[in-house]
């Protein structure tokens, strides 16, 4: 039996990344638009989009971030949940992210 090696993040253009994006009825342009909209609403900024995972988009506030940097993980990464991406794009009702995050069963893995 293979041991799970942790959380997997996939490049937006990779096959697995594309599958995750399409599973949420989105495309790469939608992701880019959601990041722009997120910048308008958020106190932080995503300067490097790292990729997508089961829970949403993963990015870094650091320009040019990559995992081989000596201090790559010294500050947290930014995650935008799929439901928040859909809310930013007005594809789910406003407040859906808060409802999702306040439901303990929806955030357990």
N, C-alpha and C. Protein backbone atom coordinates (compact mmCIF):
# COMPACT_ATOMS: atom_id res chain seq x y z
N UNK A 1 0.84 -1.18 0.00
CA UNK A 1 0.00 0.00 0.00
C UNK A 1 0.89 1.24 0.00
N UNK A 2 0.59 2.19 -0.87
CA UNK A 2 1.40 3.40 -1.00
C UNK A 2 0.96 4.41 0.06
N UNK A 3 1.93 5.00 0.73
CA UNK A 3 1.67 6.01 1.74
C UNK A 3 1.38 7.36 1.07
N UNK A 4 0.39 8.06 1.56
CA UNK A 4 0.07 9.38 1.06
C UNK A 4 1.22 10.32 1.43
N UNK A 5 1.78 10.99 0.45
CA UNK A 5 2.95 11.83 0.70
C UNK A 5 2.59 13.28 1.01
N UNK A 6 1.33 13.59 1.25
CA UNK A 6 0.94 14.94 1.59
C UNK A 6 -0.04 15.53 0.60
N UNK A 7 -0.20 16.81 0.69
CA UNK A 7 -1.14 17.53 -0.16
C UNK A 7 -0.52 17.75 -1.54
N UNK A 8 -1.26 17.48 -2.57
CA UNK A 8 -0.75 17.62 -3.93
C UNK A 8 -1.31 18.87 -4.60
N UNK A 9 -0.43 19.65 -5.18
CA UNK A 9 -0.80 20.85 -5.92
C UNK A 9 -0.36 20.63 -7.36
N UNK A 10 -1.28 20.92 -8.28
CA UNK A 10 -1.04 20.65 -9.70
C UNK A 10 -1.03 21.96 -10.49
N UNK A 11 -0.10 22.08 -11.41
CA UNK A 11 -0.01 23.25 -12.29
C UNK A 11 -1.34 23.41 -13.03
N UNK A 12 -1.73 24.65 -13.26
CA UNK A 12 -3.00 24.93 -13.93
C UNK A 12 -3.12 24.24 -15.29
N UNK A 13 -2.01 24.13 -16.00
CA UNK A 13 -2.04 23.56 -17.34
C UNK A 13 -1.82 22.05 -17.38
N UNK A 14 -1.51 21.43 -16.22
CA UNK A 14 -1.28 19.98 -16.20
C UNK A 14 -2.61 19.25 -16.38
N UNK A 15 -2.54 17.99 -16.74
CA UNK A 15 -3.74 17.19 -16.92
C UNK A 15 -4.57 17.14 -15.63
N UNK A 16 -3.93 16.85 -14.51
CA UNK A 16 -4.64 16.78 -13.24
C UNK A 16 -5.19 18.15 -12.85
N UNK A 17 -4.41 19.20 -13.08
CA UNK A 17 -4.88 20.55 -12.79
C UNK A 17 -6.11 20.90 -13.62
N UNK A 18 -6.07 20.58 -14.90
CA UNK A 18 -7.20 20.83 -15.78
C UNK A 18 -8.44 20.05 -15.33
N UNK A 19 -8.23 18.81 -14.90
CA UNK A 19 -9.36 18.00 -14.42
C UNK A 19 -9.99 18.61 -13.17
N UNK A 20 -9.16 19.08 -12.25
CA UNK A 20 -9.69 19.73 -11.04
C UNK A 20 -10.45 21.01 -11.39
N UNK A 21 -9.91 21.78 -12.29
CA UNK A 21 -10.56 23.03 -12.71
C UNK A 21 -11.90 22.72 -13.38
N UNK A 22 -11.91 21.78 -14.32
CA UNK A 22 -13.15 21.43 -15.03
C UNK A 22 -14.17 20.79 -14.10
N UNK A 23 -13.70 20.01 -13.11
CA UNK A 23 -14.61 19.40 -12.15
C UNK A 23 -15.44 20.46 -11.42
N UNK A 24 -14.87 21.64 -11.28
CA UNK A 24 -15.57 22.75 -10.64
C UNK A 24 -16.24 23.68 -11.65
N UNK A 25 -16.39 23.18 -12.88
CA UNK A 25 -17.06 23.90 -13.96
C UNK A 25 -16.41 25.26 -14.24
N UNK A 26 -15.07 25.23 -14.26
CA UNK A 26 -14.27 26.43 -14.50
C UNK A 26 -13.26 26.16 -15.60
N UNK A 27 -12.58 27.22 -16.04
CA UNK A 27 -11.45 27.09 -16.96
C UNK A 27 -10.33 28.01 -16.45
N UNK A 28 -9.19 27.96 -17.10
CA UNK A 28 -8.03 28.74 -16.64
C UNK A 28 -8.34 30.23 -16.65
N UNK A 29 -9.06 30.72 -17.64
CA UNK A 29 -9.41 32.14 -17.67
C UNK A 29 -10.28 32.51 -16.46
N UNK A 30 -11.18 31.61 -16.06
CA UNK A 30 -11.99 31.86 -14.86
C UNK A 30 -11.10 31.99 -13.63
N UNK A 31 -10.09 31.14 -13.53
CA UNK A 31 -9.17 31.18 -12.39
C UNK A 31 -8.45 32.53 -12.36
N UNK A 32 -7.95 32.95 -13.50
CA UNK A 32 -7.23 34.24 -13.57
C UNK A 32 -8.16 35.40 -13.18
N UNK A 33 -9.39 35.37 -13.65
CA UNK A 33 -10.36 36.41 -13.32
C UNK A 33 -10.67 36.40 -11.82
N UNK A 34 -10.82 35.21 -11.25
CA UNK A 34 -11.11 35.09 -9.82
C UNK A 34 -9.97 35.66 -8.98
N UNK A 35 -8.73 35.44 -9.40
CA UNK A 35 -7.58 35.98 -8.67
C UNK A 35 -7.62 37.51 -8.73
N UNK A 36 -7.93 38.07 -9.88
CA UNK A 36 -8.06 39.53 -10.00
C UNK A 36 -9.14 40.06 -9.06
N UNK A 37 -10.29 39.40 -9.05
CA UNK A 37 -11.39 39.82 -8.18
C UNK A 37 -11.02 39.65 -6.71
N UNK A 38 -10.29 38.58 -6.40
CA UNK A 38 -9.87 38.33 -5.02
C UNK A 38 -8.95 39.45 -4.54
N UNK A 39 -8.07 39.93 -5.42
CA UNK A 39 -7.17 41.04 -5.05
C UNK A 39 -7.97 42.28 -4.65
N UNK A 40 -9.10 42.50 -5.29
CA UNK A 40 -9.93 43.67 -4.98
C UNK A 40 -10.58 43.55 -3.60
N UNK A 41 -10.90 42.32 -3.18
CA UNK A 41 -11.62 42.09 -1.93
C UNK A 41 -10.72 41.74 -0.75
N UNK A 42 -9.49 41.37 -1.00
CA UNK A 42 -8.63 40.81 0.04
C UNK A 42 -7.56 41.79 0.48
N UNK A 43 -7.03 41.55 1.68
CA UNK A 43 -5.93 42.36 2.19
C UNK A 43 -4.58 41.82 1.73
N UNK A 44 -4.58 40.64 1.16
CA UNK A 44 -3.32 40.07 0.67
C UNK A 44 -3.39 39.95 -0.85
N UNK A 45 -2.28 39.63 -1.43
CA UNK A 45 -2.21 39.54 -2.88
C UNK A 45 -1.49 38.26 -3.27
N UNK A 46 -1.90 37.68 -4.37
CA UNK A 46 -1.21 36.49 -4.87
C UNK A 46 -0.30 36.95 -6.00
N UNK A 47 0.99 36.85 -5.77
CA UNK A 47 1.96 37.25 -6.79
C UNK A 47 2.43 36.07 -7.62
N UNK A 48 2.32 34.86 -7.05
CA UNK A 48 2.68 33.64 -7.78
C UNK A 48 1.55 32.63 -7.61
N UNK A 49 0.91 32.25 -8.70
CA UNK A 49 -0.07 31.17 -8.65
C UNK A 49 0.73 29.88 -8.73
N UNK A 50 0.62 29.07 -7.68
CA UNK A 50 1.37 27.82 -7.62
C UNK A 50 0.62 26.72 -8.36
N UNK A 51 -0.67 26.65 -8.15
CA UNK A 51 -1.48 25.64 -8.83
C UNK A 51 -2.80 25.42 -8.11
N UNK A 52 -3.41 24.27 -8.38
CA UNK A 52 -4.68 23.92 -7.77
C UNK A 52 -4.58 22.57 -7.08
N UNK A 53 -5.38 22.43 -6.03
CA UNK A 53 -5.47 21.18 -5.30
C UNK A 53 -6.92 20.81 -5.12
N UNK A 54 -7.16 19.79 -4.35
CA UNK A 54 -8.53 19.33 -4.12
C UNK A 54 -9.41 20.42 -3.51
N UNK A 55 -8.82 21.34 -2.75
CA UNK A 55 -9.59 22.34 -2.04
C UNK A 55 -9.71 23.68 -2.76
N UNK A 56 -8.87 23.94 -3.74
CA UNK A 56 -8.93 25.22 -4.44
C UNK A 56 -7.58 25.64 -4.99
N UNK A 57 -7.44 26.94 -5.19
CA UNK A 57 -6.23 27.53 -5.76
C UNK A 57 -5.20 27.78 -4.67
N UNK A 58 -3.95 27.48 -4.96
CA UNK A 58 -2.85 27.71 -4.03
C UNK A 58 -1.91 28.74 -4.66
N UNK A 59 -1.54 29.75 -3.88
CA UNK A 59 -0.63 30.77 -4.38
C UNK A 59 0.27 31.28 -3.27
N UNK A 60 1.13 32.19 -3.65
CA UNK A 60 2.05 32.80 -2.70
C UNK A 60 2.01 34.32 -2.88
N UNK A 61 2.16 35.03 -1.78
CA UNK A 61 2.26 36.48 -1.84
C UNK A 61 3.62 36.91 -2.35
N UNK A 62 4.53 35.97 -2.46
CA UNK A 62 5.90 36.25 -2.88
C UNK A 62 6.03 36.13 -4.40
N UNK A 63 6.59 37.13 -5.03
CA UNK A 63 6.83 37.10 -6.46
C UNK A 63 7.92 36.08 -6.78
N UNK A 64 7.68 35.23 -7.75
CA UNK A 64 8.68 34.24 -8.16
C UNK A 64 8.86 33.09 -7.20
N UNK A 65 7.84 32.82 -6.38
CA UNK A 65 7.94 31.73 -5.41
C UNK A 65 8.15 30.39 -6.10
N UNK A 66 8.99 29.56 -5.53
CA UNK A 66 9.11 28.15 -5.92
C UNK A 66 9.60 27.38 -4.70
N UNK A 67 9.32 26.09 -4.63
CA UNK A 67 9.60 25.32 -3.41
C UNK A 67 11.07 25.17 -3.07
N UNK A 68 11.96 25.44 -4.00
CA UNK A 68 13.39 25.28 -3.73
C UNK A 68 14.04 26.51 -3.09
N UNK A 69 13.29 27.59 -2.93
CA UNK A 69 13.84 28.76 -2.26
C UNK A 69 14.17 28.40 -0.81
N UNK A 70 15.27 28.91 -0.28
CA UNK A 70 15.69 28.55 1.09
C UNK A 70 14.61 28.83 2.14
N UNK A 71 13.85 29.89 1.96
CA UNK A 71 12.81 30.23 2.94
C UNK A 71 11.42 30.13 2.33
N UNK A 72 11.24 29.20 1.40
CA UNK A 72 9.99 29.08 0.65
C UNK A 72 8.77 28.92 1.55
N UNK A 73 8.93 28.24 2.66
CA UNK A 73 7.78 27.97 3.53
C UNK A 73 7.85 28.74 4.84
N UNK A 74 8.64 29.81 4.86
CA UNK A 74 8.76 30.60 6.09
C UNK A 74 7.48 31.39 6.37
N UNK A 75 6.74 31.72 5.34
CA UNK A 75 5.43 32.34 5.54
C UNK A 75 4.41 31.48 4.81
N UNK A 76 3.20 31.54 5.29
CA UNK A 76 2.15 30.68 4.76
C UNK A 76 1.84 30.95 3.30
N UNK A 77 1.26 29.96 2.69
CA UNK A 77 0.77 30.10 1.33
C UNK A 77 -0.69 30.56 1.40
N UNK A 78 -1.20 31.04 0.29
CA UNK A 78 -2.57 31.53 0.21
C UNK A 78 -3.41 30.47 -0.48
N UNK A 79 -4.59 30.18 0.08
CA UNK A 79 -5.49 29.23 -0.55
C UNK A 79 -6.85 29.89 -0.72
N UNK A 80 -7.36 29.83 -1.94
CA UNK A 80 -8.72 30.31 -2.21
C UNK A 80 -9.57 29.07 -2.49
N UNK A 81 -10.51 28.75 -1.60
CA UNK A 81 -11.35 27.57 -1.81
C UNK A 81 -12.17 27.66 -3.10
N UNK A 82 -12.48 26.51 -3.67
CA UNK A 82 -13.27 26.47 -4.90
C UNK A 82 -14.57 27.26 -4.74
N UNK A 83 -15.23 27.10 -3.60
CA UNK A 83 -16.51 27.79 -3.40
C UNK A 83 -16.31 29.31 -3.43
N UNK A 84 -15.17 29.78 -2.92
CA UNK A 84 -14.91 31.22 -2.95
C UNK A 84 -14.62 31.70 -4.37
N UNK A 85 -13.93 30.88 -5.14
CA UNK A 85 -13.69 31.22 -6.55
C UNK A 85 -15.03 31.35 -7.26
N UNK A 86 -15.93 30.39 -7.03
CA UNK A 86 -17.26 30.44 -7.66
C UNK A 86 -18.05 31.65 -7.18
N UNK A 87 -17.90 32.01 -5.90
CA UNK A 87 -18.59 33.18 -5.39
C UNK A 87 -18.04 34.46 -6.00
N UNK A 88 -16.73 34.57 -6.13
CA UNK A 88 -16.12 35.74 -6.76
C UNK A 88 -16.62 35.93 -8.19
N UNK A 89 -16.84 34.81 -8.88
CA UNK A 89 -17.31 34.84 -10.27
C UNK A 89 -18.84 34.94 -10.36
N UNK A 90 -19.50 35.06 -9.20
CA UNK A 90 -20.97 35.19 -9.11
C UNK A 90 -21.70 33.96 -9.64
N UNK A 91 -21.10 32.79 -9.41
CA UNK A 91 -21.73 31.54 -9.86
C UNK A 91 -22.41 30.79 -8.72
N UNK A 92 -22.23 31.27 -7.51
CA UNK A 92 -22.97 30.80 -6.35
C UNK A 92 -23.42 32.05 -5.59
N UNK A 93 -24.44 31.93 -4.75
CA UNK A 93 -24.93 33.11 -4.04
C UNK A 93 -23.88 33.75 -3.14
N UNK A 94 -23.96 35.07 -3.01
CA UNK A 94 -23.07 35.79 -2.11
C UNK A 94 -23.23 35.23 -0.70
N UNK A 95 -22.13 35.02 -0.01
CA UNK A 95 -22.14 34.46 1.34
C UNK A 95 -21.95 32.95 1.36
N UNK A 96 -21.89 32.31 0.20
CA UNK A 96 -21.74 30.85 0.13
C UNK A 96 -20.43 30.40 0.78
N UNK A 97 -19.37 31.18 0.65
CA UNK A 97 -18.08 30.80 1.24
C UNK A 97 -18.20 30.75 2.76
N UNK A 98 -18.82 31.76 3.35
CA UNK A 98 -18.99 31.79 4.80
C UNK A 98 -19.82 30.61 5.30
N UNK A 99 -20.88 30.29 4.57
CA UNK A 99 -21.72 29.15 4.95
C UNK A 99 -20.89 27.87 4.87
N UNK A 100 -20.13 27.72 3.79
CA UNK A 100 -19.29 26.53 3.61
C UNK A 100 -18.28 26.41 4.74
N UNK A 101 -17.59 27.50 5.05
CA UNK A 101 -16.54 27.47 6.07
C UNK A 101 -17.10 27.30 7.49
N UNK A 102 -18.35 27.70 7.71
CA UNK A 102 -18.93 27.56 9.04
C UNK A 102 -19.52 26.17 9.28
N UNK A 103 -19.57 25.35 8.23
CA UNK A 103 -20.09 23.99 8.37
C UNK A 103 -18.92 23.03 8.60
N UNK A 104 -18.75 22.55 9.84
CA UNK A 104 -17.59 21.70 10.16
C UNK A 104 -17.46 20.47 9.27
N UNK A 105 -18.56 19.88 8.83
CA UNK A 105 -18.47 18.67 8.00
C UNK A 105 -17.93 18.97 6.61
N UNK A 106 -18.06 20.19 6.13
CA UNK A 106 -17.57 20.53 4.80
C UNK A 106 -16.07 20.81 4.76
N UNK A 107 -15.49 21.08 5.92
CA UNK A 107 -14.06 21.42 5.95
C UNK A 107 -13.20 20.30 6.49
N UNK A 108 -13.80 19.18 6.88
CA UNK A 108 -13.03 18.05 7.39
C UNK A 108 -12.54 17.20 6.23
N UNK A 109 -11.35 16.65 6.39
CA UNK A 109 -10.79 15.77 5.36
C UNK A 109 -10.70 14.37 5.90
